[in-house]
Amino acid sequence: MEREITDLRSKLKECEKERLKAAQYGLQLMERQTELQNQLDKCHEEMMTQKCRSHRQEVNDLKNKLEKLKVELDGARLIEKQLKQKLDHQEEVLAHKSEKLRLMEGVKTALQEVNSHSTNKNN
């Protein structure tokens, strides 16, 4: 019977050792899980930081592009205005020249009539 008690105590000690090992292993697993979670959180934070930086750069690039397009549009509007003014001026010049030409045609016709009357009188 004493032998059985000794065997049982020995088995109990063995079980306690195994339970302690299992508890230590469980603790190591939890520590490793915490380390991995921290690494994952750090990677996620770095990715979000990079994404924010990338978005900020993209927004700045788009703002710069928009400003450039605004400047180009202003330039195109100025050129359009200048061309319209030039066209208006050329229309005025053409109208004046047309009026002069019409008057000169009238003078020419009048001179031809005078010459025609003079020639008829001389004959």
N, C-alpha and C. Protein backbone atom coordinates (compact mmCIF):
# COMPACT_ATOMS: atom_id res chain seq x y z
N MET A 1 0.81 -1.18 0.00
CA MET A 1 0.00 0.00 0.00
C MET A 1 0.87 1.26 0.00
N GLU A 2 1.96 1.20 0.75
CA GLU A 2 2.85 2.34 0.77
C GLU A 2 3.45 2.57 -0.62
N ARG A 3 3.67 1.52 -1.28
CA ARG A 3 4.21 1.62 -2.63
C ARG A 3 3.20 2.31 -3.53
N GLU A 4 1.94 2.01 -3.36
CA GLU A 4 0.89 2.63 -4.16
C GLU A 4 0.82 4.13 -3.86
N ILE A 5 0.97 4.46 -2.58
CA ILE A 5 0.93 5.88 -2.19
C ILE A 5 2.13 6.59 -2.81
N THR A 6 3.29 5.97 -2.79
CA THR A 6 4.49 6.57 -3.38
C THR A 6 4.29 6.73 -4.88
N ASP A 7 3.73 5.70 -5.52
CA ASP A 7 3.47 5.79 -6.97
C ASP A 7 2.48 6.91 -7.27
N LEU A 8 1.43 6.99 -6.45
CA LEU A 8 0.43 8.04 -6.66
C LEU A 8 1.03 9.43 -6.45
N ARG A 9 1.89 9.56 -5.42
CA ARG A 9 2.54 10.85 -5.19
C ARG A 9 3.45 11.19 -6.36
N SER A 10 4.14 10.20 -6.84
CA SER A 10 5.03 10.40 -7.98
C SER A 10 4.22 10.83 -9.20
N LYS A 11 3.10 10.17 -9.43
CA LYS A 11 2.23 10.52 -10.57
C LYS A 11 1.65 11.92 -10.38
N LEU A 12 1.29 12.24 -9.12
CA LEU A 12 0.75 13.57 -8.82
C LEU A 12 1.79 14.64 -9.12
N LYS A 13 3.05 14.40 -8.69
CA LYS A 13 4.13 15.35 -8.98
C LYS A 13 4.32 15.50 -10.48
N GLU A 14 4.28 14.38 -11.18
CA GLU A 14 4.44 14.40 -12.63
C GLU A 14 3.31 15.21 -13.27
N CYS A 15 2.11 14.98 -12.78
CA CYS A 15 0.95 15.74 -13.31
C CYS A 15 1.10 17.23 -13.02
N GLU A 16 1.56 17.58 -11.82
CA GLU A 16 1.76 18.99 -11.48
C GLU A 16 2.84 19.62 -12.37
N LYS A 17 3.92 18.85 -12.61
CA LYS A 17 4.98 19.35 -13.51
C LYS A 17 4.40 19.60 -14.90
N GLU A 18 3.61 18.66 -15.40
CA GLU A 18 3.01 18.80 -16.73
C GLU A 18 2.03 19.97 -16.75
N ARG A 19 1.26 20.11 -15.66
CA ARG A 19 0.32 21.23 -15.58
C ARG A 19 1.09 22.55 -15.56
N LEU A 20 2.20 22.62 -14.82
CA LEU A 20 3.03 23.82 -14.77
C LEU A 20 3.62 24.12 -16.15
N LYS A 21 4.11 23.07 -16.82
CA LYS A 21 4.65 23.23 -18.18
C LYS A 21 3.56 23.77 -19.11
N ALA A 22 2.36 23.19 -19.01
CA ALA A 22 1.25 23.62 -19.86
C ALA A 22 0.89 25.07 -19.57
N ALA A 23 0.90 25.44 -18.29
CA ALA A 23 0.59 26.83 -17.93
C ALA A 23 1.66 27.77 -18.47
N GLN A 24 2.94 27.37 -18.35
CA GLN A 24 4.03 28.20 -18.88
C GLN A 24 3.92 28.31 -20.41
N TYR A 25 3.61 27.20 -21.05
CA TYR A 25 3.46 27.22 -22.50
C TYR A 25 2.29 28.12 -22.90
N GLY A 26 1.18 28.02 -22.15
CA GLY A 26 0.03 28.89 -22.42
C GLY A 26 0.40 30.35 -22.24
N LEU A 27 1.19 30.64 -21.20
CA LEU A 27 1.64 32.01 -20.97
C LEU A 27 2.53 32.49 -22.11
N GLN A 28 3.44 31.61 -22.56
CA GLN A 28 4.31 31.95 -23.70
C GLN A 28 3.48 32.21 -24.95
N LEU A 29 2.46 31.39 -25.15
CA LEU A 29 1.58 31.59 -26.31
C LEU A 29 0.87 32.94 -26.23
N MET A 30 0.40 33.29 -25.05
CA MET A 30 -0.28 34.58 -24.88
C MET A 30 0.68 35.74 -25.11
N GLU A 31 1.93 35.61 -24.60
CA GLU A 31 2.93 36.65 -24.82
C GLU A 31 3.24 36.79 -26.31
N ARG A 32 3.38 35.66 -26.98
CA ARG A 32 3.67 35.68 -28.42
C ARG A 32 2.50 36.30 -29.18
N GLN A 33 1.29 35.95 -28.76
CA GLN A 33 0.10 36.53 -29.41
C GLN A 33 0.09 38.04 -29.22
N THR A 34 0.44 38.50 -28.02
CA THR A 34 0.48 39.94 -27.74
C THR A 34 1.55 40.61 -28.60
N GLU A 35 2.73 39.97 -28.72
CA GLU A 35 3.80 40.52 -29.57
C GLU A 35 3.33 40.63 -31.01
N LEU A 36 2.71 39.56 -31.50
CA LEU A 36 2.23 39.56 -32.89
C LEU A 36 1.15 40.62 -33.09
N GLN A 37 0.26 40.77 -32.12
CA GLN A 37 -0.78 41.79 -32.23
C GLN A 37 -0.16 43.18 -32.25
N ASN A 38 0.87 43.40 -31.42
CA ASN A 38 1.56 44.70 -31.41
C ASN A 38 2.23 44.96 -32.75
N GLN A 39 2.87 43.92 -33.32
CA GLN A 39 3.50 44.08 -34.63
C GLN A 39 2.45 44.40 -35.69
N LEU A 40 1.33 43.69 -35.62
CA LEU A 40 0.24 43.94 -36.57
C LEU A 40 -0.29 45.36 -36.43
N ASP A 41 -0.48 45.81 -35.19
CA ASP A 41 -0.95 47.18 -34.96
C ASP A 41 0.05 48.20 -35.50
N LYS A 42 1.34 47.93 -35.30
CA LYS A 42 2.38 48.84 -35.79
C LYS A 42 2.37 48.89 -37.32
N CYS A 43 2.27 47.72 -37.95
CA CYS A 43 2.21 47.67 -39.42
C CYS A 43 0.97 48.41 -39.93
N HIS A 44 -0.15 48.21 -39.26
CA HIS A 44 -1.39 48.88 -39.67
C HIS A 44 -1.23 50.39 -39.55
N GLU A 45 -0.63 50.83 -38.45
CA GLU A 45 -0.42 52.27 -38.25
C GLU A 45 0.51 52.84 -39.32
N GLU A 46 1.58 52.10 -39.64
CA GLU A 46 2.51 52.56 -40.69
C GLU A 46 1.81 52.62 -42.04
N MET A 47 0.98 51.61 -42.32
CA MET A 47 0.25 51.61 -43.60
C MET A 47 -0.71 52.79 -43.67
N MET A 48 -1.40 53.05 -42.57
CA MET A 48 -2.34 54.18 -42.56
C MET A 48 -1.60 55.50 -42.70
N THR A 49 -0.45 55.61 -42.04
CA THR A 49 0.35 56.83 -42.16
C THR A 49 0.80 57.02 -43.60
N GLN A 50 1.28 55.94 -44.23
CA GLN A 50 1.72 56.01 -45.62
C GLN A 50 0.55 56.36 -46.54
N LYS A 51 -0.60 55.76 -46.26
CA LYS A 51 -1.79 56.03 -47.08
C LYS A 51 -2.20 57.50 -46.95
N CYS A 52 -2.18 58.02 -45.72
CA CYS A 52 -2.52 59.43 -45.50
C CYS A 52 -1.53 60.33 -46.23
N ARG A 53 -0.26 59.99 -46.13
CA ARG A 53 0.78 60.78 -46.80
C ARG A 53 0.57 60.75 -48.31
N SER A 54 0.27 59.57 -48.83
CA SER A 54 0.03 59.41 -50.26
C SER A 54 -1.19 60.21 -50.70
N HIS A 55 -2.26 60.15 -49.92
CA HIS A 55 -3.49 60.90 -50.25
C HIS A 55 -3.22 62.41 -50.18
N ARG A 56 -2.47 62.82 -49.16
CA ARG A 56 -2.16 64.24 -49.03
C ARG A 56 -1.36 64.71 -50.25
N GLN A 57 -0.39 63.89 -50.69
CA GLN A 57 0.41 64.24 -51.87
C GLN A 57 -0.47 64.30 -53.11
N GLU A 58 -1.37 63.34 -53.24
CA GLU A 58 -2.28 63.32 -54.39
C GLU A 58 -3.18 64.55 -54.40
N VAL A 59 -3.69 64.93 -53.23
CA VAL A 59 -4.53 66.13 -53.13
C VAL A 59 -3.72 67.37 -53.51
N ASN A 60 -2.49 67.47 -53.02
CA ASN A 60 -1.64 68.61 -53.36
C ASN A 60 -1.35 68.65 -54.86
N ASP A 61 -1.07 67.48 -55.45
CA ASP A 61 -0.82 67.42 -56.89
C ASP A 61 -2.05 67.89 -57.66
N LEU A 62 -3.23 67.44 -57.22
CA LEU A 62 -4.46 67.85 -57.91
C LEU A 62 -4.73 69.34 -57.73
N LYS A 63 -4.43 69.88 -56.55
CA LYS A 63 -4.60 71.32 -56.33
C LYS A 63 -3.68 72.10 -57.26
N ASN A 64 -2.42 71.64 -57.37
CA ASN A 64 -1.46 72.32 -58.25
C ASN A 64 -1.93 72.24 -59.70
N LYS A 65 -2.43 71.07 -60.09
CA LYS A 65 -2.92 70.91 -61.46
C LYS A 65 -4.11 71.84 -61.71
N LEU A 66 -5.00 71.94 -60.72
CA LEU A 66 -6.16 72.82 -60.85
C LEU A 66 -5.72 74.28 -60.99
N GLU A 67 -4.76 74.70 -60.19
CA GLU A 67 -4.24 76.07 -60.28
C GLU A 67 -3.63 76.32 -61.65
N LYS A 68 -2.88 75.34 -62.15
CA LYS A 68 -2.27 75.48 -63.47
C LYS A 68 -3.35 75.62 -64.54
N LEU A 69 -4.40 74.80 -64.43
CA LEU A 69 -5.50 74.88 -65.40
C LEU A 69 -6.23 76.22 -65.31
N LYS A 70 -6.37 76.75 -64.09
CA LYS A 70 -7.00 78.06 -63.92
C LYS A 70 -6.18 79.14 -64.61
N VAL A 71 -4.85 79.07 -64.43
CA VAL A 71 -3.96 80.05 -65.06
C VAL A 71 -4.08 79.93 -66.58
N GLU A 72 -4.09 78.69 -67.09
CA GLU A 72 -4.22 78.49 -68.54
C GLU A 72 -5.56 79.02 -69.04
N LEU A 73 -6.63 78.79 -68.26
CA LEU A 73 -7.95 79.28 -68.64
C LEU A 73 -7.97 80.80 -68.67
N ASP A 74 -7.38 81.43 -67.65
CA ASP A 74 -7.32 82.89 -67.62
C ASP A 74 -6.56 83.41 -68.84
N GLY A 75 -5.45 82.73 -69.17
CA GLY A 75 -4.67 83.13 -70.35
C GLY A 75 -5.48 82.99 -71.63
N ALA A 76 -6.21 81.89 -71.75
CA ALA A 76 -7.03 81.66 -72.94
C ALA A 76 -8.15 82.71 -73.03
N ARG A 77 -8.73 83.06 -71.88
CA ARG A 77 -9.79 84.09 -71.88
C ARG A 77 -9.23 85.44 -72.28
N LEU A 78 -8.02 85.76 -71.81
CA LEU A 78 -7.39 87.02 -72.18
C LEU A 78 -7.12 87.06 -73.68
N ILE A 79 -6.58 85.97 -74.21
CA ILE A 79 -6.31 85.90 -75.66
C ILE A 79 -7.62 86.03 -76.43
N GLU A 80 -8.67 85.35 -75.97
CA GLU A 80 -9.98 85.44 -76.64
C GLU A 80 -10.47 86.89 -76.64
N LYS A 81 -10.33 87.57 -75.50
CA LYS A 81 -10.77 88.97 -75.40
C LYS A 81 -9.97 89.85 -76.36
N GLN A 82 -8.64 89.63 -76.40
CA GLN A 82 -7.79 90.43 -77.29
C GLN A 82 -8.16 90.18 -78.75
N LEU A 83 -8.40 88.91 -79.10
CA LEU A 83 -8.77 88.59 -80.48
C LEU A 83 -10.12 89.20 -80.84
N LYS A 84 -11.05 89.20 -79.88
CA LYS A 84 -12.36 89.80 -80.14
C LYS A 84 -12.21 91.30 -80.37
N GLN A 85 -11.38 91.95 -79.55
CA GLN A 85 -11.15 93.39 -79.73
C GLN A 85 -10.51 93.65 -81.09
N LYS A 86 -9.55 92.81 -81.47
CA LYS A 86 -8.89 92.98 -82.77
C LYS A 86 -9.89 92.78 -83.90
N LEU A 87 -10.76 91.77 -83.76
CA LEU A 87 -11.78 91.52 -84.77
C LEU A 87 -12.75 92.70 -84.87
N ASP A 88 -13.18 93.23 -83.71
CA ASP A 88 -14.07 94.39 -83.71
C ASP A 88 -13.41 95.57 -84.42
N HIS A 89 -12.12 95.79 -84.13
CA HIS A 89 -11.39 96.89 -84.77
C HIS A 89 -11.31 96.68 -86.28
N GLN A 90 -11.01 95.43 -86.69
CA GLN A 90 -10.92 95.14 -88.12
C GLN A 90 -12.28 95.31 -88.80
N GLU A 91 -13.36 94.97 -88.09
CA GLU A 91 -14.69 95.18 -88.65
C GLU A 91 -14.96 96.67 -88.86
N GLU A 92 -14.52 97.50 -87.89
CA GLU A 92 -14.69 98.95 -88.03
C GLU A 92 -13.88 99.47 -89.21
N VAL A 93 -12.63 99.02 -89.32
CA VAL A 93 -11.76 99.46 -90.43
C VAL A 93 -12.39 99.04 -91.75
N LEU A 94 -12.87 97.80 -91.82
CA LEU A 94 -13.50 97.31 -93.05
C LEU A 94 -14.75 98.13 -93.38
N ALA A 95 -15.53 98.46 -92.37
CA ALA A 95 -16.74 99.26 -92.61
C ALA A 95 -16.37 100.64 -93.14
N HIS A 96 -15.31 101.26 -92.56
CA HIS A 96 -14.86 102.58 -93.05
C HIS A 96 -14.35 102.48 -94.49
N LYS A 97 -13.56 101.45 -94.77
CA LYS A 97 -13.02 101.29 -96.12
C LYS A 97 -14.14 101.01 -97.12
N SER A 98 -15.13 100.23 -96.70
CA SER A 98 -16.28 99.96 -97.58
C SER A 98 -17.04 101.25 -97.88
N GLU A 99 -17.19 102.08 -96.83
CA GLU A 99 -17.87 103.36 -97.02
C GLU A 99 -17.07 104.25 -97.98
N LYS A 100 -15.73 104.28 -97.79
CA LYS A 100 -14.89 105.08 -98.70
C LYS A 100 -15.01 104.55 -100.12
N LEU A 101 -14.98 103.24 -100.27
CA LEU A 101 -15.07 102.63 -101.59
C LEU A 101 -16.41 102.97 -102.24
N ARG A 102 -17.48 102.92 -101.44
CA ARG A 102 -18.80 103.26 -101.97
C ARG A 102 -18.83 104.72 -102.42
N LEU A 103 -18.22 105.61 -101.59
CA LEU A 103 -18.18 107.02 -101.96
C LEU A 103 -17.34 107.23 -103.22
N MET A 104 -16.20 106.50 -103.30
CA MET A 104 -15.35 106.64 -104.48
C MET A 104 -16.05 106.12 -105.73
N GLU A 105 -16.83 105.06 -105.58
CA GLU A 105 -17.61 104.54 -106.71
C GLU A 105 -18.62 105.60 -107.16
N GLY A 106 -19.21 106.27 -106.15
CA GLY A 106 -20.17 107.33 -106.47
C GLY A 106 -19.49 108.47 -107.20
N VAL A 107 -18.28 108.84 -106.72
CA VAL A 107 -17.52 109.91 -107.37
C VAL A 107 -17.14 109.49 -108.78
N LYS A 108 -16.70 108.25 -108.94
CA LYS A 108 -16.29 107.73 -110.24
C LYS A 108 -17.47 107.77 -111.22
N THR A 109 -18.63 107.33 -110.72
CA THR A 109 -19.82 107.34 -111.57
C THR A 109 -20.18 108.78 -111.95
N ALA A 110 -20.07 109.69 -110.99
CA ALA A 110 -20.38 111.09 -111.27
C ALA A 110 -19.40 111.65 -112.28
N LEU A 111 -18.11 111.34 -112.14
CA LEU A 111 -17.10 111.82 -113.09
C LEU A 111 -17.34 111.25 -114.48
N GLN A 112 -17.73 109.99 -114.53
CA GLN A 112 -18.01 109.37 -115.83
C GLN A 112 -19.20 110.06 -116.49
N GLU A 113 -20.18 110.41 -115.68
CA GLU A 113 -21.34 111.11 -116.22
C GLU A 113 -20.94 112.49 -116.72
N VAL A 114 -20.08 113.16 -115.95
CA VAL A 114 -19.63 114.49 -116.35
C VAL A 114 -18.83 114.38 -117.65
N ASN A 115 -17.93 113.40 -117.70
CA ASN A 115 -17.13 113.19 -118.91
C ASN A 115 -18.02 112.82 -120.09
N SER A 116 -19.02 112.04 -119.82
CA SER A 116 -19.93 111.62 -120.87
C SER A 116 -20.71 112.83 -121.39
N HIS A 117 -21.15 113.71 -120.52
CA HIS A 117 -21.86 114.92 -120.94
C HIS A 117 -20.92 115.86 -121.69
N SER A 118 -19.68 115.95 -121.20
CA SER A 118 -18.71 116.82 -121.85
C SER A 118 -18.40 116.32 -123.24
N THR A 119 -18.26 115.05 -123.39
CA THR A 119 -17.94 114.46 -124.68
C THR A 119 -19.12 114.67 -125.62
N ASN A 120 -20.30 114.52 -125.12
CA ASN A 120 -21.49 114.69 -125.94
C ASN A 120 -21.64 116.15 -126.36
N LYS A 121 -21.29 117.09 -125.55
CA LYS A 121 -21.39 118.50 -125.89
C LYS A 121 -20.34 118.86 -126.92
N ASN A 122 -19.19 118.29 -126.80
CA ASN A 122 -18.10 118.58 -127.72
C ASN A 122 -18.40 117.99 -129.09
N ASN A 123 -19.18 117.02 -129.17
CA ASN A 123 -19.48 116.40 -130.45
C ASN A 123 -20.59 117.15 -131.04
